[in-house]
């Protein structure tokens, strides 16, 4: 693309994509006492069905119009192409609504831009990418907010609707349910290699820009009530949160987990983000990883950007990678 010629967006940020999230251990400590203390009184609008308590993918408020799903997500460049970055960031933000069983209705752009460093033609391409993905999702884009920022950042605040009796929640898992993963892992190590070398990985871009709309519908059609999406905290991190919220232990069959082409080679070459290592450090005390080596554990903790859904239930056409078991003291995850 001529507008991006000679400019590598990933070089203008310290991290990239969901790998630049604040570590889960630090974030949970910050928000631990910030849940609502009680009813808000007669002036409150609706009832919170899903809030901050279990760190679910989005908030859900029951109103007279139905269940309102609200979320926001933004990050620094994960690829060098501005249009692709916009598409990826939008798909990632919309995913939180799909992960709750909802459908996105309206989105607002969130843009941070180093206006004296990068041309605004690139910002236009980022916004165009976000608009195209939102349009494909049937979601309106109706404005947003921008700031002058030392690092480029982009994402969306998204509002959607859901049936309050057919939500997908991370606290609704029950022993005996299979675990289905709807996108392969390996996005993080490929993105790290891209940032360091400039090599392009179309398979990673294709995965990151794919909407989770179909997977969400399939989960609801299958009668699932428990799901989450796999993003910056990796498969192990998001599964830990799901199992902890549901009061169960999750068993993963390592050999059943799918990976993108080139992921293992990128890992072997050392392209592992700091976010991935922090994910593994956070989950390790709660997981039985004795059956696998360190490399396999890093791949399972790989910080994904716009990853797939992890569903407690079986979805046609997607691999079952494990199951939920009765709670085992001291472990939320066991890897076989």
Foldseek 3Di string as FASTA:
>chain_A
DVLLPPPFQLVLDPDAFLLPDDFPVVVCVVCVPVDDPDDPPPPDAFAWPDDPPLPALWTWGQHPVAIKTKDKDKTFHLGRQLLLSLLLQLLLGQQSQLQFLWAWAEKEKEKEAQPVPGPCVSVVSSPVSNCVLCVVSNYHYDYHDYYHDSTIMIHIIIMTHHHPVQTATLQAADFPFFKFFDFAFQLQLVSLCCSVPVDDDVQSSVQSSDHQNVVSVLCSVQVFRYKGFAAFQAQLQSLLSSLVSNQWAWEFALVQGGHDPPRLVSVVVPSARPSLVSSCVVQVQAEAPVVDDPSSSSRRRRGHRNGYMITRHDGPPTTGGTTIRHHDPRHNYYYD
